[in-house]
N, C-alpha and C. Protein backbone atom coordinates (compact mmCIF):
# COMPACT_ATOMS: atom_id res chain seq x y z
N MET A 1 -0.64 -11.31 -17.12
CA MET A 1 -1.83 -12.13 -16.98
C MET A 1 -1.90 -12.68 -15.57
N THR A 2 -3.04 -12.55 -14.93
CA THR A 2 -3.23 -13.03 -13.58
C THR A 2 -3.49 -14.53 -13.59
N PRO A 3 -2.71 -15.28 -12.80
CA PRO A 3 -2.94 -16.73 -12.77
C PRO A 3 -4.23 -17.06 -12.03
N GLU A 4 -4.81 -18.19 -12.38
CA GLU A 4 -5.99 -18.68 -11.69
C GLU A 4 -5.52 -19.23 -10.34
N LEU A 5 -6.11 -18.75 -9.26
CA LEU A 5 -5.71 -19.17 -7.93
C LEU A 5 -6.68 -20.22 -7.41
N ASP A 6 -6.15 -21.38 -7.05
CA ASP A 6 -7.01 -22.40 -6.46
C ASP A 6 -7.06 -22.20 -4.95
N ARG A 7 -7.79 -23.07 -4.27
CA ARG A 7 -7.98 -22.96 -2.83
C ARG A 7 -6.65 -23.00 -2.08
N ILE A 8 -5.73 -23.86 -2.50
CA ILE A 8 -4.42 -23.97 -1.83
C ILE A 8 -3.62 -22.68 -2.01
N ASP A 9 -3.60 -22.13 -3.23
CA ASP A 9 -2.90 -20.86 -3.46
C ASP A 9 -3.47 -19.77 -2.55
N ARG A 10 -4.80 -19.71 -2.45
CA ARG A 10 -5.43 -18.69 -1.60
C ARG A 10 -5.08 -18.90 -0.14
N LYS A 11 -4.99 -20.17 0.29
CA LYS A 11 -4.59 -20.44 1.67
C LYS A 11 -3.14 -20.01 1.92
N ILE A 12 -2.28 -20.29 0.96
CA ILE A 12 -0.88 -19.86 1.08
C ILE A 12 -0.82 -18.35 1.22
N LEU A 13 -1.54 -17.64 0.35
CA LEU A 13 -1.54 -16.18 0.42
C LEU A 13 -2.09 -15.69 1.76
N HIS A 14 -3.16 -16.29 2.21
CA HIS A 14 -3.75 -15.91 3.50
C HIS A 14 -2.72 -16.06 4.62
N GLU A 15 -2.06 -17.18 4.67
CA GLU A 15 -1.08 -17.43 5.74
C GLU A 15 0.11 -16.46 5.64
N LEU A 16 0.60 -16.23 4.44
CA LEU A 16 1.75 -15.33 4.28
C LEU A 16 1.38 -13.88 4.57
N MET A 17 0.14 -13.49 4.30
CA MET A 17 -0.28 -12.13 4.63
C MET A 17 -0.38 -11.94 6.14
N GLN A 18 -0.61 -13.04 6.87
CA GLN A 18 -0.65 -12.96 8.33
C GLN A 18 0.77 -12.95 8.92
N ASP A 19 1.67 -13.75 8.31
CA ASP A 19 3.04 -13.86 8.82
C ASP A 19 3.95 -14.34 7.70
N ALA A 20 4.65 -13.42 7.08
CA ALA A 20 5.53 -13.77 5.95
C ALA A 20 6.82 -14.44 6.40
N THR A 21 7.04 -14.53 7.72
CA THR A 21 8.25 -15.18 8.22
C THR A 21 8.05 -16.67 8.49
N LEU A 22 6.87 -17.18 8.20
CA LEU A 22 6.62 -18.61 8.44
C LEU A 22 7.63 -19.47 7.70
N PRO A 23 8.26 -20.41 8.40
CA PRO A 23 9.10 -21.37 7.69
C PRO A 23 8.25 -22.21 6.74
N VAL A 24 8.85 -22.65 5.66
CA VAL A 24 8.11 -23.42 4.64
C VAL A 24 7.44 -24.64 5.28
N ALA A 25 8.09 -25.28 6.22
CA ALA A 25 7.51 -26.47 6.85
C ALA A 25 6.19 -26.12 7.54
N GLN A 26 6.14 -25.01 8.27
CA GLN A 26 4.90 -24.62 8.93
C GLN A 26 3.85 -24.18 7.93
N LEU A 27 4.27 -23.43 6.93
CA LEU A 27 3.33 -22.99 5.90
C LEU A 27 2.72 -24.21 5.21
N ALA A 28 3.55 -25.15 4.83
CA ALA A 28 3.08 -26.35 4.15
C ALA A 28 2.08 -27.11 5.03
N ASP A 29 2.38 -27.22 6.32
CA ASP A 29 1.50 -27.91 7.25
C ASP A 29 0.14 -27.21 7.34
N ARG A 30 0.16 -25.89 7.39
CA ARG A 30 -1.08 -25.12 7.51
C ARG A 30 -1.96 -25.22 6.27
N VAL A 31 -1.35 -25.41 5.11
CA VAL A 31 -2.15 -25.45 3.88
C VAL A 31 -2.37 -26.87 3.37
N GLY A 32 -1.80 -27.85 4.07
CA GLY A 32 -2.05 -29.25 3.72
C GLY A 32 -1.21 -29.77 2.57
N LEU A 33 0.02 -29.30 2.46
CA LEU A 33 0.95 -29.79 1.43
C LEU A 33 2.24 -30.23 2.08
N SER A 34 3.06 -30.95 1.32
CA SER A 34 4.42 -31.20 1.77
C SER A 34 5.26 -29.98 1.39
N GLN A 35 6.48 -29.92 1.91
CA GLN A 35 7.30 -28.71 1.77
C GLN A 35 7.63 -28.35 0.33
N THR A 36 8.08 -29.31 -0.46
CA THR A 36 8.52 -28.99 -1.82
C THR A 36 7.39 -28.44 -2.69
N PRO A 37 6.22 -29.09 -2.75
CA PRO A 37 5.13 -28.50 -3.54
C PRO A 37 4.69 -27.13 -3.03
N CYS A 38 4.71 -26.96 -1.71
CA CYS A 38 4.34 -25.68 -1.13
C CYS A 38 5.32 -24.59 -1.58
N TRP A 39 6.62 -24.87 -1.47
CA TRP A 39 7.64 -23.91 -1.87
C TRP A 39 7.54 -23.58 -3.36
N LYS A 40 7.26 -24.58 -4.17
CA LYS A 40 7.10 -24.35 -5.62
C LYS A 40 5.91 -23.43 -5.90
N ARG A 41 4.84 -23.60 -5.13
CA ARG A 41 3.67 -22.74 -5.31
C ARG A 41 4.01 -21.29 -4.91
N VAL A 42 4.74 -21.14 -3.81
CA VAL A 42 5.14 -19.79 -3.38
C VAL A 42 5.99 -19.15 -4.47
N GLN A 43 6.94 -19.89 -5.01
CA GLN A 43 7.80 -19.35 -6.07
C GLN A 43 6.98 -18.98 -7.31
N LYS A 44 5.99 -19.80 -7.64
CA LYS A 44 5.12 -19.53 -8.78
C LYS A 44 4.31 -18.25 -8.54
N LEU A 45 3.81 -18.07 -7.32
CA LEU A 45 3.06 -16.86 -6.99
C LEU A 45 3.94 -15.61 -7.04
N GLU A 46 5.20 -15.76 -6.66
CA GLU A 46 6.15 -14.64 -6.76
C GLU A 46 6.46 -14.34 -8.22
N ALA A 47 6.72 -15.37 -9.01
CA ALA A 47 7.06 -15.18 -10.42
C ALA A 47 5.90 -14.54 -11.19
N ALA A 48 4.67 -14.84 -10.79
CA ALA A 48 3.50 -14.29 -11.46
C ALA A 48 3.16 -12.88 -10.99
N GLY A 49 3.89 -12.39 -9.98
CA GLY A 49 3.63 -11.05 -9.47
C GLY A 49 2.47 -10.97 -8.50
N VAL A 50 1.96 -12.13 -8.05
CA VAL A 50 0.90 -12.12 -7.05
C VAL A 50 1.49 -11.72 -5.70
N ILE A 51 2.60 -12.33 -5.34
CA ILE A 51 3.37 -11.92 -4.16
C ILE A 51 4.41 -10.93 -4.67
N THR A 52 4.31 -9.69 -4.19
CA THR A 52 5.19 -8.63 -4.71
C THR A 52 6.35 -8.30 -3.79
N GLY A 53 6.36 -8.84 -2.59
CA GLY A 53 7.45 -8.57 -1.66
C GLY A 53 7.10 -9.09 -0.28
N ARG A 54 8.09 -9.09 0.58
CA ARG A 54 7.89 -9.48 1.99
C ARG A 54 8.57 -8.43 2.82
N VAL A 55 7.83 -7.87 3.77
CA VAL A 55 8.33 -6.73 4.54
C VAL A 55 8.04 -6.89 6.03
N ALA A 56 8.70 -6.06 6.83
CA ALA A 56 8.37 -5.94 8.24
C ALA A 56 7.39 -4.78 8.38
N LEU A 57 6.32 -4.98 9.09
CA LEU A 57 5.36 -3.91 9.34
C LEU A 57 5.78 -3.16 10.60
N VAL A 58 5.80 -1.85 10.52
CA VAL A 58 6.30 -1.02 11.60
C VAL A 58 5.19 -0.06 12.05
N ALA A 59 5.04 0.10 13.36
CA ALA A 59 4.07 1.04 13.91
C ALA A 59 4.60 2.46 13.69
N PRO A 60 3.93 3.28 12.88
CA PRO A 60 4.47 4.61 12.56
C PRO A 60 4.71 5.48 13.79
N GLU A 61 3.84 5.40 14.77
CA GLU A 61 4.00 6.23 15.96
C GLU A 61 5.24 5.84 16.77
N LYS A 62 5.69 4.60 16.63
CA LYS A 62 6.88 4.15 17.35
C LYS A 62 8.17 4.65 16.71
N ILE A 63 8.07 5.15 15.48
CA ILE A 63 9.27 5.67 14.80
C ILE A 63 9.13 7.17 14.52
N GLY A 64 8.28 7.81 15.32
CA GLY A 64 8.17 9.26 15.24
C GLY A 64 7.26 9.80 14.15
N LEU A 65 6.41 8.96 13.58
CA LEU A 65 5.47 9.43 12.55
C LEU A 65 4.06 9.40 13.13
N GLY A 66 3.79 10.33 14.02
CA GLY A 66 2.55 10.33 14.78
C GLY A 66 1.35 10.96 14.10
N LEU A 67 1.56 11.58 12.94
CA LEU A 67 0.45 12.25 12.27
C LEU A 67 0.25 11.66 10.88
N THR A 68 -0.97 11.18 10.64
CA THR A 68 -1.34 10.68 9.31
C THR A 68 -2.33 11.66 8.71
N VAL A 69 -2.05 12.05 7.47
CA VAL A 69 -2.90 13.02 6.79
C VAL A 69 -3.33 12.43 5.45
N PHE A 70 -4.61 12.54 5.16
CA PHE A 70 -5.13 12.15 3.86
C PHE A 70 -5.30 13.45 3.07
N VAL A 71 -4.61 13.52 1.96
CA VAL A 71 -4.57 14.76 1.18
C VAL A 71 -5.31 14.53 -0.14
N GLU A 72 -6.36 15.31 -0.33
CA GLU A 72 -7.14 15.25 -1.56
C GLU A 72 -6.60 16.30 -2.52
N ILE A 73 -6.33 15.88 -3.74
CA ILE A 73 -5.77 16.77 -4.75
C ILE A 73 -6.73 16.86 -5.94
N GLU A 74 -7.04 18.07 -6.33
CA GLU A 74 -7.74 18.30 -7.58
C GLU A 74 -6.72 18.83 -8.56
N ALA A 75 -6.57 18.15 -9.68
CA ALA A 75 -5.56 18.51 -10.67
C ALA A 75 -5.83 19.89 -11.25
N ALA A 76 -4.75 20.62 -11.49
CA ALA A 76 -4.87 21.93 -12.14
C ALA A 76 -5.31 21.76 -13.58
N GLU A 77 -4.90 20.66 -14.19
CA GLU A 77 -5.29 20.34 -15.56
C GLU A 77 -5.22 18.83 -15.73
N HIS A 78 -5.90 18.34 -16.71
CA HIS A 78 -5.93 16.89 -16.95
C HIS A 78 -5.17 16.56 -18.22
N THR A 79 -3.87 16.76 -18.15
CA THR A 79 -3.00 16.51 -19.31
C THR A 79 -1.95 15.48 -18.94
N ASP A 80 -1.36 14.88 -19.95
CA ASP A 80 -0.27 13.94 -19.71
C ASP A 80 0.88 14.62 -18.99
N ALA A 81 1.17 15.87 -19.35
CA ALA A 81 2.27 16.60 -18.72
C ALA A 81 2.02 16.82 -17.23
N TRP A 82 0.78 17.20 -16.87
CA TRP A 82 0.48 17.42 -15.45
C TRP A 82 0.58 16.11 -14.68
N ARG A 83 0.03 15.03 -15.26
CA ARG A 83 0.09 13.72 -14.59
C ARG A 83 1.53 13.28 -14.38
N ALA A 84 2.38 13.50 -15.37
CA ALA A 84 3.80 13.14 -15.24
C ALA A 84 4.46 13.98 -14.15
N ALA A 85 4.15 15.27 -14.11
CA ALA A 85 4.72 16.14 -13.06
C ALA A 85 4.23 15.72 -11.68
N PHE A 86 2.96 15.33 -11.60
CA PHE A 86 2.40 14.87 -10.32
C PHE A 86 3.11 13.60 -9.86
N LYS A 87 3.25 12.66 -10.78
CA LYS A 87 3.92 11.40 -10.44
C LYS A 87 5.35 11.66 -9.98
N ALA A 88 6.06 12.52 -10.68
CA ALA A 88 7.44 12.85 -10.30
C ALA A 88 7.48 13.53 -8.93
N ALA A 89 6.53 14.39 -8.65
CA ALA A 89 6.50 15.10 -7.37
C ALA A 89 6.28 14.15 -6.20
N VAL A 90 5.30 13.26 -6.32
CA VAL A 90 5.01 12.37 -5.19
C VAL A 90 6.08 11.30 -5.01
N GLU A 91 6.77 10.94 -6.09
CA GLU A 91 7.82 9.93 -5.96
C GLU A 91 9.01 10.42 -5.14
N VAL A 92 9.28 11.71 -5.14
CA VAL A 92 10.45 12.23 -4.41
C VAL A 92 10.09 12.72 -3.01
N LEU A 93 8.83 12.63 -2.62
CA LEU A 93 8.41 13.04 -1.29
C LEU A 93 8.22 11.80 -0.43
N PRO A 94 9.18 11.48 0.44
CA PRO A 94 9.11 10.24 1.20
C PRO A 94 7.93 10.19 2.18
N GLU A 95 7.37 11.32 2.52
CA GLU A 95 6.22 11.35 3.43
C GLU A 95 4.98 10.70 2.81
N VAL A 96 4.93 10.65 1.49
CA VAL A 96 3.78 10.05 0.79
C VAL A 96 3.95 8.53 0.80
N VAL A 97 3.05 7.85 1.50
CA VAL A 97 3.16 6.40 1.61
C VAL A 97 2.15 5.67 0.72
N GLU A 98 1.13 6.38 0.24
CA GLU A 98 0.18 5.80 -0.71
C GLU A 98 -0.34 6.91 -1.60
N VAL A 99 -0.63 6.56 -2.85
CA VAL A 99 -1.25 7.49 -3.80
C VAL A 99 -2.31 6.71 -4.57
N HIS A 100 -3.48 7.29 -4.63
CA HIS A 100 -4.58 6.68 -5.38
C HIS A 100 -5.16 7.69 -6.35
N ARG A 101 -5.36 7.28 -7.60
CA ARG A 101 -6.10 8.11 -8.56
C ARG A 101 -7.57 7.76 -8.36
N MET A 102 -8.38 8.78 -8.19
CA MET A 102 -9.76 8.58 -7.76
C MET A 102 -10.76 8.91 -8.86
N ALA A 103 -11.95 8.40 -8.71
CA ALA A 103 -13.11 8.82 -9.50
C ALA A 103 -13.92 9.75 -8.62
N GLY A 104 -14.59 10.71 -9.21
CA GLY A 104 -15.43 11.61 -8.43
C GLY A 104 -14.84 13.01 -8.38
N ASP A 105 -15.15 13.73 -7.30
CA ASP A 105 -14.77 15.13 -7.16
C ASP A 105 -13.27 15.35 -6.96
N VAL A 106 -12.61 14.36 -6.40
CA VAL A 106 -11.18 14.47 -6.10
C VAL A 106 -10.42 13.62 -7.12
N ASP A 107 -9.33 14.15 -7.63
CA ASP A 107 -8.56 13.42 -8.64
C ASP A 107 -7.58 12.42 -8.01
N TYR A 108 -6.94 12.82 -6.91
CA TYR A 108 -5.93 11.96 -6.27
C TYR A 108 -6.11 12.02 -4.76
N LEU A 109 -5.81 10.91 -4.11
CA LEU A 109 -5.82 10.84 -2.66
C LEU A 109 -4.46 10.33 -2.21
N LEU A 110 -3.81 11.12 -1.37
CA LEU A 110 -2.50 10.75 -0.84
C LEU A 110 -2.63 10.40 0.63
N LYS A 111 -1.90 9.40 1.05
CA LYS A 111 -1.75 9.11 2.47
C LYS A 111 -0.34 9.55 2.83
N VAL A 112 -0.26 10.46 3.79
CA VAL A 112 1.00 11.10 4.15
C VAL A 112 1.29 10.82 5.63
N ALA A 113 2.51 10.42 5.93
CA ALA A 113 2.92 10.15 7.32
C ALA A 113 4.04 11.12 7.69
N VAL A 114 3.80 11.89 8.76
CA VAL A 114 4.76 12.89 9.23
C VAL A 114 4.79 12.89 10.75
N PRO A 115 5.84 13.47 11.33
CA PRO A 115 5.92 13.51 12.80
C PRO A 115 4.86 14.40 13.45
N ASP A 116 4.58 15.56 12.85
CA ASP A 116 3.71 16.53 13.50
C ASP A 116 3.22 17.57 12.50
N MET A 117 2.46 18.54 12.99
CA MET A 117 1.87 19.56 12.13
C MET A 117 2.92 20.41 11.42
N ASP A 118 4.01 20.74 12.10
CA ASP A 118 5.07 21.52 11.46
C ASP A 118 5.66 20.75 10.27
N ALA A 119 5.87 19.46 10.45
CA ALA A 119 6.40 18.64 9.36
C ALA A 119 5.40 18.56 8.22
N TYR A 120 4.11 18.49 8.55
CA TYR A 120 3.11 18.48 7.49
C TYR A 120 3.11 19.80 6.72
N ASP A 121 3.26 20.90 7.43
CA ASP A 121 3.30 22.20 6.77
C ASP A 121 4.48 22.26 5.79
N ARG A 122 5.63 21.76 6.20
CA ARG A 122 6.79 21.72 5.30
C ARG A 122 6.50 20.84 4.08
N PHE A 123 5.87 19.69 4.32
CA PHE A 123 5.49 18.81 3.22
C PHE A 123 4.54 19.52 2.26
N TYR A 124 3.51 20.16 2.81
CA TYR A 124 2.51 20.86 2.00
C TYR A 124 3.17 21.93 1.12
N LEU A 125 4.05 22.71 1.72
CA LEU A 125 4.74 23.75 0.96
C LEU A 125 5.61 23.15 -0.14
N ALA A 126 6.31 22.06 0.18
CA ALA A 126 7.16 21.42 -0.84
C ALA A 126 6.31 20.88 -1.99
N LEU A 127 5.20 20.26 -1.67
CA LEU A 127 4.32 19.71 -2.71
C LEU A 127 3.77 20.81 -3.59
N THR A 128 3.23 21.86 -2.98
CA THR A 128 2.57 22.90 -3.77
C THR A 128 3.57 23.78 -4.52
N ARG A 129 4.82 23.82 -4.09
CA ARG A 129 5.85 24.52 -4.87
C ARG A 129 6.19 23.76 -6.14
N GLN A 130 6.15 22.43 -6.05
CA GLN A 130 6.52 21.60 -7.20
C GLN A 130 5.40 21.47 -8.21
N LEU A 131 4.16 21.64 -7.78
CA LEU A 131 3.05 21.24 -8.61
C LEU A 131 1.86 22.17 -8.45
N PRO A 132 1.40 22.80 -9.53
CA PRO A 132 0.18 23.59 -9.43
C PRO A 132 -1.04 22.66 -9.29
N CYS A 133 -1.89 22.97 -8.33
CA CYS A 133 -3.10 22.18 -8.11
C CYS A 133 -4.30 23.12 -8.07
N ARG A 134 -5.45 22.64 -8.52
CA ARG A 134 -6.67 23.43 -8.41
C ARG A 134 -7.07 23.56 -6.94
N ASN A 135 -6.93 22.45 -6.20
CA ASN A 135 -7.31 22.46 -4.80
C ASN A 135 -6.55 21.36 -4.07
N VAL A 136 -6.15 21.64 -2.84
CA VAL A 136 -5.52 20.66 -1.96
C VAL A 136 -6.27 20.71 -0.63
N THR A 137 -6.85 19.59 -0.23
CA THR A 137 -7.59 19.51 1.02
C THR A 137 -6.94 18.47 1.91
N SER A 138 -6.68 18.85 3.14
CA SER A 138 -6.01 17.96 4.10
C SER A 138 -7.02 17.47 5.13
N LYS A 139 -6.99 16.18 5.38
CA LYS A 139 -7.86 15.56 6.39
C LYS A 139 -6.94 14.83 7.37
N PHE A 140 -7.00 15.21 8.62
CA PHE A 140 -6.09 14.69 9.63
C PHE A 140 -6.73 13.53 10.38
N SER A 141 -6.01 12.43 10.45
CA SER A 141 -6.49 11.26 11.15
C SER A 141 -6.35 11.48 12.66
N MET A 142 -7.44 11.31 13.37
CA MET A 142 -7.43 11.46 14.83
C MET A 142 -7.05 10.14 15.51
N GLU A 143 -7.42 9.03 14.88
CA GLU A 143 -7.15 7.71 15.47
C GLU A 143 -7.19 6.67 14.37
N ARG A 144 -6.20 5.81 14.35
CA ARG A 144 -6.21 4.68 13.42
C ARG A 144 -6.94 3.55 14.13
N MET A 145 -8.11 3.21 13.64
CA MET A 145 -8.94 2.21 14.30
C MET A 145 -8.71 0.81 13.76
N LYS A 146 -8.26 0.73 12.52
CA LYS A 146 -7.94 -0.55 11.92
C LYS A 146 -6.91 -0.31 10.84
N ALA A 147 -5.92 -1.15 10.80
CA ALA A 147 -4.92 -1.08 9.74
C ALA A 147 -4.45 -2.50 9.47
N THR A 148 -4.50 -2.89 8.21
CA THR A 148 -4.03 -4.21 7.83
C THR A 148 -3.45 -4.14 6.43
N THR A 149 -2.54 -5.02 6.17
CA THR A 149 -2.03 -5.15 4.81
C THR A 149 -2.54 -6.44 4.18
N ALA A 150 -3.32 -7.20 4.94
CA ALA A 150 -3.86 -8.47 4.46
C ALA A 150 -5.14 -8.22 3.67
N TRP A 151 -5.15 -8.61 2.41
CA TRP A 151 -6.33 -8.50 1.58
C TRP A 151 -7.33 -9.57 1.99
N PRO A 152 -8.63 -9.26 1.94
CA PRO A 152 -9.63 -10.28 2.27
C PRO A 152 -9.70 -11.30 1.13
N ILE A 153 -9.22 -12.49 1.40
CA ILE A 153 -9.14 -13.51 0.36
C ILE A 153 -9.98 -14.71 0.77
N ASN A 154 -10.74 -15.22 -0.16
CA ASN A 154 -11.60 -16.38 0.08
C ASN A 154 -10.72 -17.63 0.09
N THR A 155 -10.68 -18.33 1.22
CA THR A 155 -9.86 -19.53 1.33
C THR A 155 -10.69 -20.81 1.21
N THR A 156 -11.96 -20.65 0.89
CA THR A 156 -12.79 -21.83 0.69
C THR A 156 -13.17 -21.92 -0.78
N ASP A 157 -13.52 -23.10 -1.20
CA ASP A 157 -13.95 -23.27 -2.60
C ASP A 157 -15.25 -22.54 -2.86
N ILE A 158 -15.34 -21.98 -4.03
CA ILE A 158 -16.56 -21.24 -4.41
C ILE A 158 -17.56 -22.22 -5.00
């Protein structure tokens, strides 16, 4: 069950999405609370599954992952067995950084990060060996113009 988020909770989330390394004292100051109530709210948001983790964001090109590919998959069949095989296949391929089940002409959309075209070809062959697909379409990103992990959250009262 999703907890009801008040304005302070939304402010806490906004601040943490900008910088999860903020000390509690600074976070509390920014949202207008003292430290203990602020920390309790953060813990409550974590316990409720609203905050799912805290990570370091890394520029993929700085670690040798210069090619981002969006891969559209049309399922060979729409069965529980195929979906389970698909899930198992993408879970063991570390190049897959996001998977979305879609509505419309495409069944799944994968975001894949690889060093170069040769690495993508190896990924493509590994994926298609593991899983029969009706169609696989690759779209290569030429430039990342915006990337954020911060969800647009309303920090004012409605």
